[in-house]
């Protein structure tokens, strides 16, 4: 499968990214918005890619685009786990035959999303500026959990949540920063993981 135009390649890449992130296919409107083209033009590109065998759709079914070209298909890529390495006292290297599926890091339902961190208020919890945090979309959290909190001002912050008498304390994991105290807030999610590129 080859001979794609640049726009067709962009459609394939977007559909694959979208499926990987959302576990469903994008609509023609979403393709159009991403590529700054009309829904009709997006439809024409999808039809052309179908004729080339790169995509398949199901008539009258929304979000039915399926990527067939293996080069663009959002599949699983297994990475080898080659053993253990000491982060404390050195140990004998241990070789083990095991594999890790990166997709296991990302839950399969739609109740999760990623946020890019800006700032260093959570460095004590190993969350740094520029990291991506994996957030479970929840409206409540336990004390001590790291949450996405919306303040009465409408501003959002990433902090550890604690309930105190008559108020909430949003605690940074940085001794140089003071906690935020508020009588009300909205929890938008709880942090479940951190991704960092070195």
C-alpha atoms as a PDB file:
ATOM      1  CA  UNK A   1       0.000   0.000   0.000  1.00  0.00           C
ATOM      2  CA  UNK A   2       1.653   3.177  -1.134  1.00  0.00           C
ATOM      3  CA  UNK A   3       1.165   6.224  -3.294  1.00  0.00           C
ATOM      4  CA  UNK A   4      -0.562   8.367  -0.682  1.00  0.00           C
ATOM      5  CA  UNK A   5      -0.767  12.123  -1.010  1.00  0.00           C
ATOM      6  CA  UNK A   6       0.512  14.198   1.921  1.00  0.00           C
ATOM      7  CA  UNK A   7      -3.077  14.900   2.947  1.00  0.00           C
ATOM      8  CA  UNK A   8      -3.960  11.204   2.824  1.00  0.00           C
ATOM      9  CA  UNK A   9      -0.932  10.409   4.971  1.00  0.00           C
ATOM     10  CA  UNK A  10      -2.093  13.062   7.422  1.00  0.00           C
ATOM     11  CA  UNK A  11      -5.542  11.449   7.559  1.00  0.00           C
ATOM     12  CA  UNK A  12      -4.042   8.017   8.224  1.00  0.00           C
ATOM     13  CA  UNK A  13      -1.723   9.333  10.921  1.00  0.00           C
ATOM     14  CA  UNK A  14      -4.526  11.238  12.650  1.00  0.00           C
ATOM     15  CA  UNK A  15      -6.933   8.292  12.597  1.00  0.00           C
ATOM     16  CA  UNK A  16      -4.238   6.023  14.066  1.00  0.00           C
ATOM     17  CA  UNK A  17      -3.340   8.558  16.799  1.00  0.00           C
ATOM     18  CA  UNK A  18      -6.985   9.143  17.633  1.00  0.00           C
ATOM     19  CA  UNK A  19      -7.740   5.420  17.898  1.00  0.00           C
ATOM     20  CA  UNK A  20      -4.732   4.898  20.147  1.00  0.00           C
ATOM     21  CA  UNK A  21      -5.764   7.748  22.444  1.00  0.00           C
ATOM     22  CA  UNK A  22      -9.540   7.245  22.515  1.00  0.00           C
ATOM     23  CA  UNK A  23     -10.054   3.553  21.629  1.00  0.00           C
ATOM     24  CA  UNK A  24     -12.587   4.613  18.985  1.00  0.00           C
ATOM     25  CA  UNK A  25     -12.323   6.091  15.501  1.00  0.00           C
ATOM     26  CA  UNK A  26     -12.712   9.811  14.815  1.00  0.00           C
ATOM     27  CA  UNK A  27     -15.716  11.210  12.981  1.00  0.00           C
ATOM     28  CA  UNK A  28     -15.374  12.975   9.633  1.00  0.00           C
ATOM     29  CA  UNK A  29     -15.985  16.254  11.477  1.00  0.00           C
ATOM     30  CA  UNK A  30     -13.069  15.548  13.823  1.00  0.00           C
ATOM     31  CA  UNK A  31     -10.806  14.669  10.893  1.00  0.00           C
ATOM     32  CA  UNK A  32     -11.824  17.901   9.210  1.00  0.00           C
ATOM     33  CA  UNK A  33     -11.174  19.963  12.337  1.00  0.00           C
ATOM     34  CA  UNK A  34      -7.741  18.389  12.839  1.00  0.00           C
ATOM     35  CA  UNK A  35      -6.643  18.965   9.240  1.00  0.00           C
ATOM     36  CA  UNK A  36      -8.494  22.272   8.764  1.00  0.00           C
ATOM     37  CA  UNK A  37     -10.623  20.902   5.922  1.00  0.00           C
ATOM     38  CA  UNK A  38     -14.365  20.502   5.426  1.00  0.00           C
ATOM     39  CA  UNK A  39     -16.293  17.366   6.334  1.00  0.00           C
ATOM     40  CA  UNK A  40     -16.894  16.766   2.608  1.00  0.00           C
ATOM     41  CA  UNK A  41     -13.168  16.943   1.848  1.00  0.00           C
ATOM     42  CA  UNK A  42     -12.442  14.603   4.770  1.00  0.00           C
ATOM     43  CA  UNK A  43     -15.013  12.171   3.337  1.00  0.00           C
ATOM     44  CA  UNK A  44     -13.332  12.337  -0.079  1.00  0.00           C
ATOM     45  CA  UNK A  45      -9.934  11.522   1.435  1.00  0.00           C
ATOM     46  CA  UNK A  46     -11.388   8.607   3.401  1.00  0.00           C
ATOM     47  CA  UNK A  47     -13.073   7.238   0.254  1.00  0.00           C
ATOM     48  CA  UNK A  48      -9.818   7.548  -1.712  1.00  0.00           C
ATOM     49  CA  UNK A  49      -7.967   5.704   1.045  1.00  0.00           C
ATOM     50  CA  UNK A  50     -10.642   2.999   1.018  1.00  0.00           C
ATOM     51  CA  UNK A  51     -10.080   2.507  -2.718  1.00  0.00           C
ATOM     52  CA  UNK A  52      -6.345   2.141  -2.052  1.00  0.00           C
ATOM     53  CA  UNK A  53      -7.035  -0.476   0.614  1.00  0.00           C
ATOM     54  CA  UNK A  54      -5.661   1.644   3.449  1.00  0.00           C
ATOM     55  CA  UNK A  55      -8.966   2.157   5.280  1.00  0.00           C
ATOM     56  CA  UNK A  56     -12.270   0.364   5.668  1.00  0.00           C
ATOM     57  CA  UNK A  57     -15.584   1.840   6.828  1.00  0.00           C
ATOM     58  CA  UNK A  58     -18.982   0.364   7.624  1.00  0.00           C
ATOM     59  CA  UNK A  59     -21.850   2.155   5.827  1.00  0.00           C
ATOM     60  CA  UNK A  60     -24.340   3.990   8.073  1.00  0.00           C
ATOM     61  CA  UNK A  61     -22.214   3.335  11.156  1.00  0.00           C
ATOM     62  CA  UNK A  62     -20.589   6.254  12.943  1.00  0.00           C
ATOM     63  CA  UNK A  63     -16.938   6.020  14.000  1.00  0.00           C
ATOM     64  CA  UNK A  64     -16.404   2.915  11.887  1.00  0.00           C
ATOM     65  CA  UNK A  65     -13.109   3.850  10.212  1.00  0.00           C
ATOM     66  CA  UNK A  66     -10.629   0.986  10.428  1.00  0.00           C
ATOM     67  CA  UNK A  67      -6.965   1.340   9.459  1.00  0.00           C
ATOM     68  CA  UNK A  68      -5.807  -1.564   7.286  1.00  0.00           C
ATOM     69  CA  UNK A  69      -2.330  -0.374   6.273  1.00  0.00           C
ATOM     70  CA  UNK A  70      -0.013  -2.072   8.813  1.00  0.00           C
ATOM     71  CA  UNK A  71       2.410   0.861   8.648  1.00  0.00           C
ATOM     72  CA  UNK A  72      -0.259   3.164  10.087  1.00  0.00           C
ATOM     73  CA  UNK A  73      -2.311   0.684  12.076  1.00  0.00           C
ATOM     74  CA  UNK A  74      -2.286   1.485  15.813  1.00  0.00           C
ATOM     75  CA  UNK A  75      -1.116  -1.903  17.007  1.00  0.00           C
ATOM     76  CA  UNK A  76       0.748  -3.133  20.035  1.00  0.00           C
ATOM     77  CA  UNK A  77       4.505  -3.044  20.061  1.00  0.00           C
ATOM     78  CA  UNK A  78       5.998  -5.268  22.692  1.00  0.00           C
ATOM     79  CA  UNK A  79       9.197  -4.178  24.415  1.00  0.00           C
ATOM     80  CA  UNK A  80      11.572  -6.675  26.028  1.00  0.00           C
ATOM     81  CA  UNK A  81      12.089  -6.617  29.781  1.00  0.00           C
ATOM     82  CA  UNK A  82      15.697  -7.688  30.088  1.00  0.00           C
ATOM     83  CA  UNK A  83      15.886  -8.190  33.806  1.00  0.00           C
ATOM     84  CA  UNK A  84      16.446  -6.032  36.894  1.00  0.00           C
ATOM     85  CA  UNK A  85      18.807  -3.178  37.658  1.00  0.00           C
ATOM     86  CA  UNK A  86      19.678  -1.798  41.092  1.00  0.00           C
ATOM     87  CA  UNK A  87      18.890   1.789  41.935  1.00  0.00           C
ATOM     88  CA  UNK A  88      20.469   1.334  45.381  1.00  0.00           C
ATOM     89  CA  UNK A  89      23.334  -1.044  46.109  1.00  0.00           C
ATOM     90  CA  UNK A  90      24.657  -2.777  42.980  1.00  0.00           C
ATOM     91  CA  UNK A  91      23.394  -6.302  42.321  1.00  0.00           C
ATOM     92  CA  UNK A  92      24.356  -9.079  39.957  1.00  0.00           C
ATOM     93  CA  UNK A  93      22.710  -8.461  36.581  1.00  0.00           C
ATOM     94  CA  UNK A  94      19.722 -10.755  36.119  1.00  0.00           C
ATOM     95  CA  UNK A  95      18.590 -11.652  32.600  1.00  0.00           C
ATOM     96  CA  UNK A  96      14.944 -12.650  32.349  1.00  0.00           C
ATOM     97  CA  UNK A  97      12.871 -13.431  29.271  1.00  0.00           C
ATOM     98  CA  UNK A  98       9.812 -11.248  29.650  1.00  0.00           C
ATOM     99  CA  UNK A  99       7.905  -8.715  27.556  1.00  0.00           C
ATOM    100  CA  UNK A 100       6.040  -5.541  28.399  1.00  0.00           C
ATOM    101  CA  UNK A 101       3.086  -4.280  26.393  1.00  0.00           C
ATOM    102  CA  UNK A 102       3.090  -0.443  26.602  1.00  0.00           C
ATOM    103  CA  UNK A 103      -0.666  -0.517  26.055  1.00  0.00           C
ATOM    104  CA  UNK A 104      -1.048  -2.053  29.516  1.00  0.00           C
ATOM    105  CA  UNK A 105      -0.109   1.334  30.965  1.00  0.00           C
ATOM    106  CA  UNK A 106      -3.179   2.909  29.385  1.00  0.00           C
ATOM    107  CA  UNK A 107      -6.563   1.716  30.675  1.00  0.00           C
ATOM    108  CA  UNK A 108      -8.985   0.580  27.992  1.00  0.00           C
ATOM    109  CA  UNK A 109     -11.996   2.664  28.954  1.00  0.00           C
ATOM    110  CA  UNK A 110     -12.631   6.284  28.074  1.00  0.00           C
ATOM    111  CA  UNK A 111     -12.482   7.548  31.645  1.00  0.00           C
ATOM    112  CA  UNK A 112      -8.781   8.424  31.402  1.00  0.00           C
ATOM    113  CA  UNK A 113      -6.878  11.297  29.851  1.00  0.00           C
ATOM    114  CA  UNK A 114      -3.426  12.885  29.844  1.00  0.00           C
ATOM    115  CA  UNK A 115      -2.371  16.334  31.031  1.00  0.00           C
ATOM    116  CA  UNK A 116       0.994  18.022  30.471  1.00  0.00           C
ATOM    117  CA  UNK A 117       2.421  19.381  33.725  1.00  0.00           C
ATOM    118  CA  UNK A 118       3.536  22.996  33.956  1.00  0.00           C
ATOM    119  CA  UNK A 119       5.501  23.972  37.042  1.00  0.00           C
ATOM    120  CA  UNK A 120       7.432  22.204  39.794  1.00  0.00           C
ATOM    121  CA  UNK A 121       5.050  22.149  42.765  1.00  0.00           C
ATOM    122  CA  UNK A 122       4.910  18.323  42.720  1.00  0.00           C
ATOM    123  CA  UNK A 123       8.597  17.464  42.298  1.00  0.00           C
ATOM    124  CA  UNK A 124       8.628  15.684  45.672  1.00  0.00           C
ATOM    125  CA  UNK A 125       6.190  13.180  44.170  1.00  0.00           C
ATOM    126  CA  UNK A 126       8.452  12.828  41.105  1.00  0.00           C
ATOM    127  CA  UNK A 127       6.126  14.867  38.878  1.00  0.00           C
ATOM    128  CA  UNK A 128       8.187  17.395  36.979  1.00  0.00           C
ATOM    129  CA  UNK A 129       7.575  20.268  34.597  1.00  0.00           C
ATOM    130  CA  UNK A 130       6.877  18.842  31.145  1.00  0.00           C
ATOM    131  CA  UNK A 131       5.766  15.402  32.375  1.00  0.00           C
ATOM    132  CA  UNK A 132       2.502  13.847  31.242  1.00  0.00           C
ATOM    133  CA  UNK A 133       0.217  12.647  34.016  1.00  0.00           C
ATOM    134  CA  UNK A 134      -2.348   9.917  33.424  1.00  0.00           C
ATOM    135  CA  UNK A 135      -5.605  11.030  35.056  1.00  0.00           C
ATOM    136  CA  UNK A 136      -8.657   8.955  35.883  1.00  0.00           C
ATOM    137  CA  UNK A 137     -11.707  11.152  35.384  1.00  0.00           C
ATOM    138  CA  UNK A 138     -13.384  11.157  38.812  1.00  0.00           C
ATOM    139  CA  UNK A 139     -15.448  13.679  40.747  1.00  0.00           C
ATOM    140  CA  UNK A 140     -14.202  12.544  44.178  1.00  0.00           C
ATOM    141  CA  UNK A 141     -10.898  11.511  45.737  1.00  0.00           C
ATOM    142  CA  UNK A 142      -9.473  10.101  48.953  1.00  0.00           C
ATOM    143  CA  UNK A 143      -7.339  12.217  51.269  1.00  0.00           C
ATOM    144  CA  UNK A 144      -3.727  12.168  50.144  1.00  0.00           C
ATOM    145  CA  UNK A 145      -4.473  11.444  46.490  1.00  0.00           C
ATOM    146  CA  UNK A 146      -3.031  13.721  43.813  1.00  0.00           C
ATOM    147  CA  UNK A 147      -5.938  15.388  42.065  1.00  0.00           C
ATOM    148  CA  UNK A 148      -6.830  17.754  39.277  1.00  0.00           C
ATOM    149  CA  UNK A 149      -8.667  20.415  41.299  1.00  0.00           C
ATOM    150  CA  UNK A 150     -10.700  23.356  40.009  1.00  0.00           C
ATOM    151  CA  UNK A 151     -10.740  26.305  42.401  1.00  0.00           C
ATOM    152  CA  UNK A 152     -13.703  28.707  42.823  1.00  0.00           C
ATOM    153  CA  UNK A 153     -11.778  31.184  40.632  1.00  0.00           C
ATOM    154  CA  UNK A 154     -11.948  28.673  37.775  1.00  0.00           C
ATOM    155  CA  UNK A 155      -8.206  27.993  37.899  1.00  0.00           C
ATOM    156  CA  UNK A 156      -6.941  24.407  37.819  1.00  0.00           C
ATOM    157  CA  UNK A 157      -4.100  22.923  39.832  1.00  0.00           C
ATOM    158  CA  UNK A 158      -2.432  19.559  40.455  1.00  0.00           C
ATOM    159  CA  UNK A 159      -1.973  18.909  44.184  1.00  0.00           C
ATOM    160  CA  UNK A 160      -2.496  16.357  46.967  1.00  0.00           C
ATOM    161  CA  UNK A 161      -5.973  16.733  48.456  1.00  0.00           C
ATOM    162  CA  UNK A 162      -6.661  16.832  52.206  1.00  0.00           C
ATOM    163  CA  UNK A 163      -9.949  17.598  53.977  1.00  0.00           C
ATOM    164  CA  UNK A 164      -9.746  19.783  57.064  1.00  0.00           C
ATOM    165  CA  UNK A 165     -12.482  21.237  59.246  1.00  0.00           C
ATOM    166  CA  UNK A 166     -14.482  23.588  57.045  1.00  0.00           C
ATOM    167  CA  UNK A 167     -11.971  23.629  54.208  1.00  0.00           C
ATOM    168  CA  UNK A 168      -9.767  21.734  51.785  1.00  0.00           C
ATOM    169  CA  UNK A 169      -5.978  21.809  51.747  1.00  0.00           C
ATOM    170  CA  UNK A 170      -4.246  21.367  48.397  1.00  0.00           C
ATOM    171  CA  UNK A 171      -0.744  20.352  49.357  1.00  0.00           C
ATOM    172  CA  UNK A 172       2.208  20.773  46.989  1.00  0.00           C
ATOM    173  CA  UNK A 173       5.058  18.265  47.075  1.00  0.00           C
ATOM    174  CA  UNK A 174       7.646  21.017  47.167  1.00  0.00           C
ATOM    175  CA  UNK A 175       8.803  22.479  50.515  1.00  0.00           C
ATOM    176  CA  UNK A 176       9.380  25.872  48.903  1.00  0.00           C
ATOM    177  CA  UNK A 177       5.680  26.254  48.087  1.00  0.00           C
ATOM    178  CA  UNK A 178       2.780  26.905  50.434  1.00  0.00           C
ATOM    179  CA  UNK A 179      -0.435  24.881  50.406  1.00  0.00           C
ATOM    180  CA  UNK A 180      -3.642  26.285  48.969  1.00  0.00           C
ATOM    181  CA  UNK A 181      -6.618  26.478  51.332  1.00  0.00           C
ATOM    182  CA  UNK A 182     -10.140  26.733  49.956  1.00  0.00           C
ATOM    183  CA  UNK A 183     -13.663  26.198  51.285  1.00  0.00           C
ATOM    184  CA  UNK A 184     -14.811  24.629  48.024  1.00  0.00           C
ATOM    185  CA  UNK A 185     -13.344  23.005  44.952  1.00  0.00           C
ATOM    186  CA  UNK A 186     -14.227  20.626  42.149  1.00  0.00           C
ATOM    187  CA  UNK A 187     -12.287  17.408  41.625  1.00  0.00           C
ATOM    188  CA  UNK A 188     -11.885  16.600  37.935  1.00  0.00           C
ATOM    189  CA  UNK A 189      -9.674  13.535  38.269  1.00  0.00           C
ATOM    190  CA  UNK A 190      -7.081  11.544  40.198  1.00  0.00           C
ATOM    191  CA  UNK A 191      -3.520  10.992  38.954  1.00  0.00           C
ATOM    192  CA  UNK A 192      -2.771   7.316  38.234  1.00  0.00           C
ATOM    193  CA  UNK A 193       0.599   7.513  36.470  1.00  0.00           C
ATOM    194  CA  UNK A 194       3.396   9.689  35.112  1.00  0.00           C
ATOM    195  CA  UNK A 195       5.128   9.575  31.718  1.00  0.00           C
ATOM    196  CA  UNK A 196       8.465  11.232  31.136  1.00  0.00           C
ATOM    197  CA  UNK A 197      10.803  11.368  28.163  1.00  0.00           C
ATOM    198  CA  UNK A 198      14.498  11.802  28.974  1.00  0.00           C
END
